[in-house]
Amino acid sequence: MELRSVFNTFFDHCVGSWSTERTYHYLTQNEVERSHTDFQVSPLTPDLKAKVLTDNEYDAAQDLSKIPGFHLSFNTVSEKGEKVSQALNLTFVVHSETSHILEGDYLRDRAYEEARPIISRFRFDGHTKELLMTTNYTQVVSIDSITLINPDIRIRRILNYLRPPAGQPLEKLGLVGFGVEQKVAP
């Protein structure tokens, strides 16, 4: 199957309702926390795709039909009873392609860690069906992985490094998260 087709199929399978159990290891606080998240993924309209590009001061002259875009909303409850809800719009713009790797920009109208539009980098491996997203926030660098096992199960891994000085490697982990995401029948 052609790589772009595998990429589009990955996102087609992401649309729907999902339920996930996650474990977060806060290494700087020596704490472990579990949480449950229910989330909904729906395709983004061309107008909202254009808005995400504009919000990020990105070249809006893209062929919007070739850019995957989604609306994501979620509700999380931690084992301590803390609740977090958020909704955001996102798009993926491909810049380079090899035989089985796509790379480009991952744009959101609202970032997870900071309430602002943000441009991140993504890498998609067509062989493993892993989407790797790297976001440079003010305090951390977040490396988020979603691996599609089958249309109904995804494995999620989140690594948040404390942001090093410019030019220095990522070395100090602040948070590690793992989760199993299961699609919920409509």
N, C-alpha and C. Protein backbone atom coordinates (compact mmCIF):
# COMPACT_ATOMS: atom_id res chain seq x y z
N MET A 1 0.85 -1.17 0.00
CA MET A 1 0.00 0.00 0.00
C MET A 1 0.90 1.24 0.00
N GLU A 2 0.51 2.25 -0.76
CA GLU A 2 1.26 3.49 -0.84
C GLU A 2 1.31 4.17 0.53
N LEU A 3 2.43 4.82 0.84
CA LEU A 3 2.64 5.43 2.16
C LEU A 3 1.56 6.46 2.50
N ARG A 4 1.21 7.34 1.57
CA ARG A 4 0.17 8.34 1.85
C ARG A 4 -1.16 7.67 2.17
N SER A 5 -1.44 6.55 1.51
CA SER A 5 -2.67 5.82 1.79
C SER A 5 -2.63 5.21 3.20
N VAL A 6 -1.48 4.68 3.61
CA VAL A 6 -1.31 4.14 4.97
C VAL A 6 -1.51 5.27 5.99
N PHE A 7 -0.93 6.44 5.71
CA PHE A 7 -1.06 7.62 6.58
C PHE A 7 -2.53 8.01 6.72
N ASN A 8 -3.24 8.11 5.60
CA ASN A 8 -4.65 8.49 5.65
C ASN A 8 -5.49 7.43 6.35
N THR A 9 -5.18 6.15 6.15
CA THR A 9 -5.91 5.07 6.82
C THR A 9 -5.68 5.14 8.33
N PHE A 10 -4.45 5.45 8.76
CA PHE A 10 -4.14 5.63 10.18
C PHE A 10 -5.11 6.63 10.78
N PHE A 11 -5.27 7.78 10.13
CA PHE A 11 -6.14 8.82 10.66
C PHE A 11 -7.61 8.45 10.53
N ASP A 12 -7.99 7.74 9.47
CA ASP A 12 -9.38 7.28 9.36
C ASP A 12 -9.73 6.42 10.56
N HIS A 13 -8.79 5.55 10.98
CA HIS A 13 -9.04 4.68 12.13
C HIS A 13 -9.07 5.46 13.45
N CYS A 14 -8.47 6.64 13.49
CA CYS A 14 -8.46 7.43 14.71
C CYS A 14 -9.80 8.13 14.98
N VAL A 15 -10.61 8.33 13.94
CA VAL A 15 -11.90 8.99 14.11
C VAL A 15 -12.83 8.11 14.94
N GLY A 16 -13.51 8.73 15.90
CA GLY A 16 -14.46 8.01 16.74
C GLY A 16 -14.26 8.32 18.21
N SER A 17 -14.89 7.51 19.03
CA SER A 17 -14.80 7.65 20.49
C SER A 17 -13.79 6.64 21.02
N TRP A 18 -12.98 7.10 21.96
CA TRP A 18 -11.93 6.28 22.54
C TRP A 18 -11.97 6.37 24.05
N SER A 19 -11.49 5.32 24.70
CA SER A 19 -11.35 5.27 26.15
C SER A 19 -9.93 4.80 26.45
N THR A 20 -9.28 5.45 27.39
CA THR A 20 -7.90 5.08 27.69
C THR A 20 -7.62 5.08 29.18
N GLU A 21 -6.80 4.15 29.56
CA GLU A 21 -6.24 4.09 30.91
C GLU A 21 -4.76 4.41 30.78
N ARG A 22 -4.29 5.39 31.53
CA ARG A 22 -2.89 5.79 31.45
C ARG A 22 -2.25 5.79 32.82
N THR A 23 -0.94 5.59 32.79
CA THR A 23 -0.11 5.71 34.00
C THR A 23 0.93 6.77 33.70
N TYR A 24 1.05 7.74 34.61
CA TYR A 24 2.05 8.80 34.47
C TYR A 24 3.07 8.67 35.60
N HIS A 25 4.33 8.72 35.23
CA HIS A 25 5.42 8.70 36.19
C HIS A 25 6.03 10.09 36.22
N TYR A 26 5.82 10.83 37.31
CA TYR A 26 6.38 12.17 37.48
C TYR A 26 7.74 11.99 38.16
N LEU A 27 8.78 11.99 37.35
CA LEU A 27 10.11 11.66 37.85
C LEU A 27 10.69 12.74 38.75
N THR A 28 10.35 13.99 38.49
CA THR A 28 10.89 15.08 39.33
C THR A 28 10.24 15.10 40.71
N GLN A 29 9.06 14.47 40.85
CA GLN A 29 8.36 14.44 42.14
C GLN A 29 8.31 13.03 42.73
N ASN A 30 8.91 12.05 42.02
CA ASN A 30 8.90 10.66 42.46
C ASN A 30 7.47 10.20 42.78
N GLU A 31 6.58 10.42 41.81
CA GLU A 31 5.17 10.13 42.00
C GLU A 31 4.62 9.38 40.79
N VAL A 32 3.68 8.47 41.03
CA VAL A 32 3.01 7.74 39.95
C VAL A 32 1.52 8.01 40.08
N GLU A 33 0.88 8.26 38.92
CA GLU A 33 -0.54 8.55 38.93
C GLU A 33 -1.23 7.82 37.77
N ARG A 34 -2.42 7.34 38.03
CA ARG A 34 -3.21 6.71 36.99
C ARG A 34 -4.38 7.63 36.66
N SER A 35 -4.83 7.53 35.41
CA SER A 35 -5.98 8.34 35.01
C SER A 35 -6.80 7.60 33.97
N HIS A 36 -8.02 8.06 33.81
CA HIS A 36 -8.91 7.54 32.78
C HIS A 36 -9.33 8.71 31.91
N THR A 37 -9.28 8.53 30.57
CA THR A 37 -9.68 9.58 29.64
C THR A 37 -10.65 9.02 28.62
N ASP A 38 -11.72 9.76 28.39
CA ASP A 38 -12.63 9.49 27.29
C ASP A 38 -12.43 10.62 26.30
N PHE A 39 -12.24 10.28 25.03
CA PHE A 39 -12.08 11.34 24.05
C PHE A 39 -12.76 11.01 22.74
N GLN A 40 -13.04 12.07 22.02
CA GLN A 40 -13.76 11.99 20.75
C GLN A 40 -12.92 12.67 19.68
N VAL A 41 -12.76 11.99 18.53
CA VAL A 41 -12.01 12.52 17.40
C VAL A 41 -12.96 12.59 16.21
N SER A 42 -13.07 13.77 15.60
CA SER A 42 -13.91 13.93 14.40
C SER A 42 -13.13 14.69 13.34
N PRO A 43 -13.45 14.44 12.06
CA PRO A 43 -12.75 15.14 10.98
C PRO A 43 -12.98 16.66 11.08
N LEU A 44 -11.99 17.41 10.63
CA LEU A 44 -12.05 18.86 10.66
C LEU A 44 -12.53 19.38 9.31
N THR A 45 -13.41 20.36 9.33
CA THR A 45 -13.91 20.96 8.09
C THR A 45 -12.79 21.76 7.44
N PRO A 46 -12.87 21.99 6.12
CA PRO A 46 -11.85 22.82 5.46
C PRO A 46 -11.70 24.21 6.09
N ASP A 47 -12.81 24.82 6.50
CA ASP A 47 -12.73 26.15 7.13
C ASP A 47 -11.92 26.11 8.42
N LEU A 48 -12.12 25.06 9.23
CA LEU A 48 -11.37 24.95 10.48
C LEU A 48 -9.91 24.58 10.23
N LYS A 49 -9.64 23.79 9.18
CA LYS A 49 -8.24 23.51 8.81
C LYS A 49 -7.54 24.83 8.47
N ALA A 50 -8.20 25.65 7.67
CA ALA A 50 -7.63 26.95 7.29
C ALA A 50 -7.41 27.82 8.52
N LYS A 51 -8.33 27.77 9.48
CA LYS A 51 -8.18 28.56 10.70
C LYS A 51 -6.97 28.10 11.52
N VAL A 52 -6.76 26.79 11.61
CA VAL A 52 -5.59 26.28 12.35
C VAL A 52 -4.31 26.79 11.70
N LEU A 53 -4.26 26.75 10.36
CA LEU A 53 -3.08 27.27 9.64
C LEU A 53 -2.90 28.76 9.92
N THR A 54 -3.98 29.53 9.83
CA THR A 54 -3.92 30.98 10.06
C THR A 54 -3.53 31.30 11.50
N ASP A 55 -4.12 30.58 12.46
CA ASP A 55 -3.80 30.81 13.88
C ASP A 55 -2.32 30.63 14.15
N ASN A 56 -1.67 29.76 13.38
CA ASN A 56 -0.24 29.49 13.56
C ASN A 56 0.64 30.30 12.61
N GLU A 57 0.01 31.28 11.92
CA GLU A 57 0.72 32.12 10.95
C GLU A 57 1.47 31.25 9.94
N TYR A 58 0.78 30.22 9.47
CA TYR A 58 1.31 29.23 8.54
C TYR A 58 0.78 29.53 7.15
N ASP A 59 1.52 29.17 6.13
CA ASP A 59 1.09 29.39 4.75
C ASP A 59 -0.26 28.70 4.53
N ALA A 60 -1.29 29.50 4.33
CA ALA A 60 -2.64 28.97 4.18
C ALA A 60 -2.94 28.53 2.75
N ALA A 61 -1.96 28.62 1.86
CA ALA A 61 -2.17 28.25 0.46
C ALA A 61 -1.97 26.75 0.24
N GLN A 62 -2.29 25.94 1.22
CA GLN A 62 -2.17 24.48 1.13
C GLN A 62 -3.42 23.91 0.46
N ASP A 63 -3.28 22.75 -0.16
CA ASP A 63 -4.43 22.02 -0.66
C ASP A 63 -5.06 21.33 0.56
N LEU A 64 -6.11 21.95 1.11
CA LEU A 64 -6.68 21.48 2.37
C LEU A 64 -7.23 20.05 2.28
N SER A 65 -7.56 19.58 1.08
CA SER A 65 -8.07 18.22 0.96
C SER A 65 -6.98 17.18 1.22
N LYS A 66 -5.72 17.57 1.13
CA LYS A 66 -4.60 16.64 1.34
C LYS A 66 -4.05 16.72 2.76
N ILE A 67 -4.59 17.60 3.59
CA ILE A 67 -4.09 17.78 4.95
C ILE A 67 -5.06 17.11 5.93
N PRO A 68 -4.62 16.05 6.62
CA PRO A 68 -5.50 15.48 7.65
C PRO A 68 -5.74 16.52 8.75
N GLY A 69 -6.98 16.63 9.18
CA GLY A 69 -7.31 17.57 10.24
C GLY A 69 -8.41 17.01 11.11
N PHE A 70 -8.32 17.30 12.42
CA PHE A 70 -9.26 16.70 13.36
C PHE A 70 -9.62 17.66 14.48
N HIS A 71 -10.82 17.45 15.01
CA HIS A 71 -11.24 18.10 16.24
C HIS A 71 -11.13 17.03 17.32
N LEU A 72 -10.44 17.35 18.39
CA LEU A 72 -10.23 16.42 19.50
C LEU A 72 -10.79 17.05 20.76
N SER A 73 -11.63 16.31 21.45
CA SER A 73 -12.11 16.76 22.76
C SER A 73 -11.94 15.60 23.73
N PHE A 74 -11.56 15.93 24.98
CA PHE A 74 -11.37 14.86 25.94
C PHE A 74 -11.70 15.30 27.35
N ASN A 75 -12.00 14.31 28.18
CA ASN A 75 -12.26 14.49 29.61
C ASN A 75 -11.43 13.45 30.34
N THR A 76 -10.59 13.94 31.24
CA THR A 76 -9.71 13.06 32.02
C THR A 76 -10.05 13.18 33.50
N VAL A 77 -10.05 12.03 34.18
CA VAL A 77 -10.22 12.00 35.63
C VAL A 77 -9.05 11.20 36.20
N SER A 78 -8.29 11.84 37.10
CA SER A 78 -7.17 11.14 37.72
C SER A 78 -7.68 10.32 38.89
N GLU A 79 -6.82 9.40 39.36
CA GLU A 79 -7.23 8.57 40.50
C GLU A 79 -7.45 9.41 41.76
N LYS A 80 -6.93 10.65 41.78
CA LYS A 80 -7.14 11.57 42.90
C LYS A 80 -8.44 12.35 42.75
N GLY A 81 -9.13 12.13 41.61
CA GLY A 81 -10.38 12.83 41.37
C GLY A 81 -10.23 14.16 40.64
N GLU A 82 -9.01 14.51 40.24
CA GLU A 82 -8.80 15.76 39.49
C GLU A 82 -9.33 15.58 38.09
N LYS A 83 -10.01 16.62 37.57
CA LYS A 83 -10.63 16.54 36.25
C LYS A 83 -10.02 17.58 35.32
N VAL A 84 -9.78 17.16 34.07
CA VAL A 84 -9.28 18.06 33.03
C VAL A 84 -10.09 17.80 31.77
N SER A 85 -10.58 18.87 31.16
CA SER A 85 -11.29 18.78 29.89
C SER A 85 -10.66 19.76 28.93
N GLN A 86 -10.59 19.38 27.66
CA GLN A 86 -10.02 20.27 26.67
C GLN A 86 -10.57 19.90 25.30
N ALA A 87 -10.61 20.88 24.42
CA ALA A 87 -10.99 20.66 23.02
C ALA A 87 -10.05 21.48 22.16
N LEU A 88 -9.62 20.89 21.04
CA LEU A 88 -8.70 21.58 20.16
C LEU A 88 -8.84 21.06 18.74
N ASN A 89 -8.31 21.85 17.80
CA ASN A 89 -8.29 21.48 16.40
C ASN A 89 -6.84 21.30 15.98
N LEU A 90 -6.60 20.32 15.09
CA LEU A 90 -5.22 20.03 14.69
C LEU A 90 -5.14 19.60 13.24
N THR A 91 -3.96 19.82 12.64
CA THR A 91 -3.70 19.40 11.27
C THR A 91 -2.28 18.87 11.15
N PHE A 92 -2.03 18.11 10.08
CA PHE A 92 -0.71 17.56 9.79
C PHE A 92 -0.33 17.93 8.36
N VAL A 93 0.79 18.65 8.19
CA VAL A 93 1.26 19.08 6.88
C VAL A 93 2.55 18.34 6.57
N VAL A 94 2.54 17.50 5.54
CA VAL A 94 3.70 16.70 5.15
C VAL A 94 4.70 17.56 4.40
N HIS A 95 6.01 17.43 4.77
CA HIS A 95 7.07 18.15 4.06
C HIS A 95 8.02 17.22 3.32
N SER A 96 8.23 16.01 3.84
CA SER A 96 9.16 15.09 3.18
C SER A 96 8.65 13.66 3.29
N GLU A 97 9.10 12.84 2.33
CA GLU A 97 8.63 11.46 2.25
C GLU A 97 9.76 10.58 1.73
N THR A 98 9.98 9.45 2.42
CA THR A 98 10.89 8.42 1.91
C THR A 98 10.03 7.20 1.62
N SER A 99 10.63 6.05 1.48
CA SER A 99 9.85 4.85 1.14
C SER A 99 8.82 4.49 2.21
N HIS A 100 9.12 4.73 3.49
CA HIS A 100 8.15 4.39 4.53
C HIS A 100 8.04 5.43 5.65
N ILE A 101 8.62 6.62 5.48
CA ILE A 101 8.58 7.67 6.50
C ILE A 101 8.03 8.97 5.90
N LEU A 102 7.06 9.56 6.60
CA LEU A 102 6.57 10.90 6.29
C LEU A 102 6.97 11.82 7.44
N GLU A 103 7.38 13.05 7.11
CA GLU A 103 7.72 14.02 8.15
C GLU A 103 7.10 15.36 7.79
N GLY A 104 6.80 16.14 8.81
CA GLY A 104 6.23 17.45 8.56
C GLY A 104 5.87 18.17 9.83
N ASP A 105 4.93 19.10 9.69
CA ASP A 105 4.49 19.93 10.82
C ASP A 105 3.13 19.46 11.33
N TYR A 106 2.99 19.51 12.64
CA TYR A 106 1.77 19.16 13.35
C TYR A 106 1.31 20.45 14.02
N LEU A 107 0.19 21.00 13.57
CA LEU A 107 -0.28 22.31 14.03
C LEU A 107 -1.54 22.15 14.87
N ARG A 108 -1.59 22.89 15.97
CA ARG A 108 -2.77 22.91 16.83
C ARG A 108 -3.20 24.34 17.08
N ASP A 109 -4.50 24.54 17.26
CA ASP A 109 -4.96 25.88 17.62
C ASP A 109 -4.84 26.12 19.12
N ARG A 110 -4.58 25.05 19.87
CA ARG A 110 -4.39 25.16 21.31
C ARG A 110 -3.49 24.00 21.73
N ALA A 111 -2.38 24.31 22.38
CA ALA A 111 -1.44 23.28 22.82
C ALA A 111 -1.92 22.64 24.12
N TYR A 112 -1.43 21.45 24.41
CA TYR A 112 -1.81 20.77 25.65
C TYR A 112 -1.21 21.45 26.87
N GLU A 113 0.07 21.76 26.82
CA GLU A 113 0.80 22.30 27.97
C GLU A 113 0.62 23.81 28.12
N GLU A 114 0.36 24.50 27.00
CA GLU A 114 0.25 25.96 27.02
C GLU A 114 -0.93 26.36 26.14
N ALA A 115 -1.77 27.22 26.64
CA ALA A 115 -3.00 27.61 25.93
C ALA A 115 -2.70 28.61 24.82
N ARG A 116 -2.14 28.10 23.72
CA ARG A 116 -1.81 28.94 22.57
C ARG A 116 -1.66 28.06 21.34
N PRO A 117 -1.78 28.66 20.13
CA PRO A 117 -1.49 27.88 18.93
C PRO A 117 -0.02 27.46 18.94
N ILE A 118 0.26 26.30 18.33
CA ILE A 118 1.64 25.81 18.35
C ILE A 118 1.91 24.91 17.14
N ILE A 119 3.13 25.01 16.63
CA ILE A 119 3.58 24.16 15.53
C ILE A 119 4.61 23.19 16.10
N SER A 120 4.37 21.91 15.89
CA SER A 120 5.27 20.85 16.34
C SER A 120 5.75 20.10 15.10
N ARG A 121 6.62 19.13 15.32
CA ARG A 121 7.10 18.28 14.23
C ARG A 121 6.49 16.89 14.39
N PHE A 122 6.24 16.21 13.26
CA PHE A 122 5.78 14.83 13.34
C PHE A 122 6.59 13.96 12.39
N ARG A 123 6.59 12.68 12.72
CA ARG A 123 7.23 11.64 11.89
C ARG A 123 6.30 10.44 11.93
N PHE A 124 5.91 9.96 10.76
CA PHE A 124 5.03 8.80 10.67
C PHE A 124 5.77 7.67 9.99
N ASP A 125 5.81 6.49 10.63
CA ASP A 125 6.46 5.31 10.07
C ASP A 125 5.37 4.39 9.53
N GLY A 126 5.33 4.23 8.21
CA GLY A 126 4.32 3.40 7.58
C GLY A 126 4.45 1.92 7.87
N HIS A 127 5.66 1.47 8.24
CA HIS A 127 5.84 0.05 8.57
C HIS A 127 5.27 -0.28 9.94
N THR A 128 5.56 0.56 10.93
CA THR A 128 5.13 0.28 12.31
C THR A 128 3.80 0.96 12.66
N LYS A 129 3.35 1.85 11.79
CA LYS A 129 2.13 2.66 12.03
C LYS A 129 2.25 3.46 13.32
N GLU A 130 3.45 4.04 13.51
CA GLU A 130 3.69 4.89 14.68
C GLU A 130 3.75 6.35 14.22
N LEU A 131 2.99 7.19 14.92
CA LEU A 131 3.03 8.63 14.73
C LEU A 131 3.78 9.22 15.91
N LEU A 132 4.91 9.85 15.63
CA LEU A 132 5.77 10.44 16.67
C LEU A 132 5.69 11.96 16.54
N MET A 133 5.29 12.64 17.61
CA MET A 133 5.12 14.09 17.58
C MET A 133 6.03 14.73 18.62
N THR A 134 6.79 15.73 18.21
CA THR A 134 7.72 16.42 19.11
C THR A 134 7.33 17.89 19.21
N THR A 135 7.07 18.33 20.45
CA THR A 135 6.65 19.70 20.70
C THR A 135 7.61 20.37 21.67
N ASN A 136 8.12 21.53 21.27
CA ASN A 136 8.98 22.34 22.14
C ASN A 136 8.12 23.37 22.86
N TYR A 137 7.81 23.06 24.12
CA TYR A 137 7.09 24.01 24.97
C TYR A 137 8.11 24.90 25.67
N THR A 138 7.63 25.84 26.46
CA THR A 138 8.52 26.76 27.16
C THR A 138 9.41 26.04 28.17
N GLN A 139 8.84 25.10 28.93
CA GLN A 139 9.58 24.42 30.00
C GLN A 139 9.99 22.99 29.67
N VAL A 140 9.26 22.34 28.77
CA VAL A 140 9.53 20.94 28.45
C VAL A 140 9.53 20.72 26.94
N VAL A 141 10.13 19.60 26.55
CA VAL A 141 10.04 19.10 25.17
C VAL A 141 9.26 17.79 25.29
N SER A 142 8.10 17.74 24.65
CA SER A 142 7.23 16.59 24.74
C SER A 142 7.36 15.74 23.48
N ILE A 143 7.63 14.44 23.68
CA ILE A 143 7.69 13.50 22.58
C ILE A 143 6.56 12.49 22.81
N ASP A 144 5.56 12.57 21.95
CA ASP A 144 4.33 11.81 22.10
C ASP A 144 4.23 10.80 20.96
N SER A 145 3.99 9.54 21.28
CA SER A 145 3.91 8.48 20.29
C SER A 145 2.54 7.82 20.34
N ILE A 146 1.94 7.62 19.16
CA ILE A 146 0.71 6.84 19.03
C ILE A 146 1.01 5.73 18.03
N THR A 147 0.87 4.48 18.47
CA THR A 147 1.06 3.34 17.58
C THR A 147 -0.27 2.64 17.40
N LEU A 148 -0.71 2.54 16.15
CA LEU A 148 -1.97 1.89 15.84
C LEU A 148 -1.72 0.38 15.73
N ILE A 149 -2.24 -0.37 16.68
CA ILE A 149 -2.09 -1.83 16.68
C ILE A 149 -3.09 -2.44 15.70
N ASN A 150 -4.32 -1.98 15.78
CA ASN A 150 -5.39 -2.36 14.85
C ASN A 150 -6.42 -1.23 14.90
N PRO A 151 -7.48 -1.27 14.10
CA PRO A 151 -8.41 -0.14 14.08
C PRO A 151 -9.05 0.20 15.42
N ASP A 152 -8.98 -0.71 16.40
CA ASP A 152 -9.64 -0.49 17.69
C ASP A 152 -8.70 -0.34 18.88
N ILE A 153 -7.38 -0.48 18.68
CA ILE A 153 -6.43 -0.38 19.80
C ILE A 153 -5.21 0.42 19.38
N ARG A 154 -4.86 1.38 20.24
CA ARG A 154 -3.64 2.17 20.04
C ARG A 154 -2.84 2.14 21.34
N ILE A 155 -1.54 2.21 21.19
CA ILE A 155 -0.64 2.31 22.35
C ILE A 155 -0.09 3.73 22.35
N ARG A 156 -0.12 4.35 23.51
CA ARG A 156 0.33 5.73 23.65
C ARG A 156 1.52 5.79 24.59
N ARG A 157 2.52 6.58 24.21
CA ARG A 157 3.70 6.80 25.06
C ARG A 157 4.01 8.30 25.03
N ILE A 158 4.24 8.86 26.21
CA ILE A 158 4.53 10.29 26.33
C ILE A 158 5.82 10.45 27.14
N LEU A 159 6.79 11.16 26.57
CA LEU A 159 8.02 11.49 27.28
C LEU A 159 8.14 13.01 27.33
N ASN A 160 8.16 13.58 28.52
CA ASN A 160 8.38 15.02 28.66
C ASN A 160 9.76 15.24 29.28
N TYR A 161 10.64 15.82 28.47
CA TYR A 161 11.98 16.18 28.93
C TYR A 161 11.97 17.60 29.44
N LEU A 162 12.71 17.86 30.51
CA LEU A 162 12.91 19.25 30.92
C LEU A 162 13.70 19.91 29.81
N ARG A 163 13.25 21.06 29.36
CA ARG A 163 13.86 21.69 28.19
C ARG A 163 15.28 22.13 28.50
N PRO A 164 16.26 21.62 27.73
CA PRO A 164 17.66 21.98 27.98
C PRO A 164 17.99 23.34 27.35
N PRO A 165 19.13 23.91 27.69
CA PRO A 165 19.57 25.13 27.01
C PRO A 165 19.73 24.85 25.51
N ALA A 166 19.61 25.89 24.71
CA ALA A 166 19.70 25.76 23.24
C ALA A 166 20.97 24.99 22.85
N GLY A 167 20.81 24.05 21.94
CA GLY A 167 21.94 23.29 21.43
C GLY A 167 22.34 22.10 22.27
N GLN A 168 21.73 21.92 23.43
CA GLN A 168 22.06 20.80 24.31
C GLN A 168 21.09 19.64 24.08
N PRO A 169 21.53 18.39 24.30
CA PRO A 169 20.65 17.23 24.06
C PRO A 169 19.59 17.10 25.14
N LEU A 170 18.54 16.37 24.79
CA LEU A 170 17.50 16.04 25.77
C LEU A 170 18.05 14.96 26.68
N GLU A 171 18.06 15.21 27.99
CA GLU A 171 18.62 14.24 28.93
C GLU A 171 17.76 14.01 30.16
N LYS A 172 17.12 15.04 30.67
CA LYS A 172 16.43 14.91 31.96
C LYS A 172 14.92 14.76 31.75
N LEU A 173 14.44 13.56 32.03
CA LEU A 173 13.00 13.29 31.92
C LEU A 173 12.27 13.84 33.13
N GLY A 174 11.16 14.51 32.87
CA GLY A 174 10.31 14.98 33.95
C GLY A 174 9.08 14.12 34.11
N LEU A 175 8.61 13.54 32.98
CA LEU A 175 7.38 12.74 33.01
C LEU A 175 7.47 11.65 31.95
N VAL A 176 6.97 10.48 32.31
CA VAL A 176 6.82 9.38 31.36
C VAL A 176 5.40 8.87 31.51
N GLY A 177 4.68 8.76 30.40
CA GLY A 177 3.31 8.28 30.43
C GLY A 177 3.10 7.13 29.46
N PHE A 178 2.27 6.18 29.86
CA PHE A 178 1.94 5.02 29.02
C PHE A 178 0.43 4.84 29.04
N GLY A 179 -0.11 4.39 27.93
CA GLY A 179 -1.54 4.14 27.92
C GLY A 179 -1.95 3.17 26.84
N VAL A 180 -3.06 2.51 27.08
CA VAL A 180 -3.71 1.67 26.10
C VAL A 180 -5.03 2.36 25.78
N GLU A 181 -5.24 2.67 24.48
CA GLU A 181 -6.44 3.36 24.04
C GLU A 181 -7.30 2.39 23.25
N GLN A 182 -8.58 2.29 23.64
CA GLN A 182 -9.49 1.37 22.97
C GLN A 182 -10.68 2.13 22.40
N LYS A 183 -11.01 1.81 21.15
CA LYS A 183 -12.15 2.47 20.51
C LYS A 183 -13.42 1.97 21.16
N VAL A 184 -14.35 2.90 21.37
CA VAL A 184 -15.63 2.59 21.99
C VAL A 184 -16.66 2.44 20.87
N ALA A 185 -17.42 1.37 20.92
CA ALA A 185 -18.45 1.14 19.89
C ALA A 185 -19.49 2.27 19.94
N PRO A 186 -19.93 2.72 18.75
CA PRO A 186 -20.93 3.81 18.71
C PRO A 186 -22.25 3.40 19.29
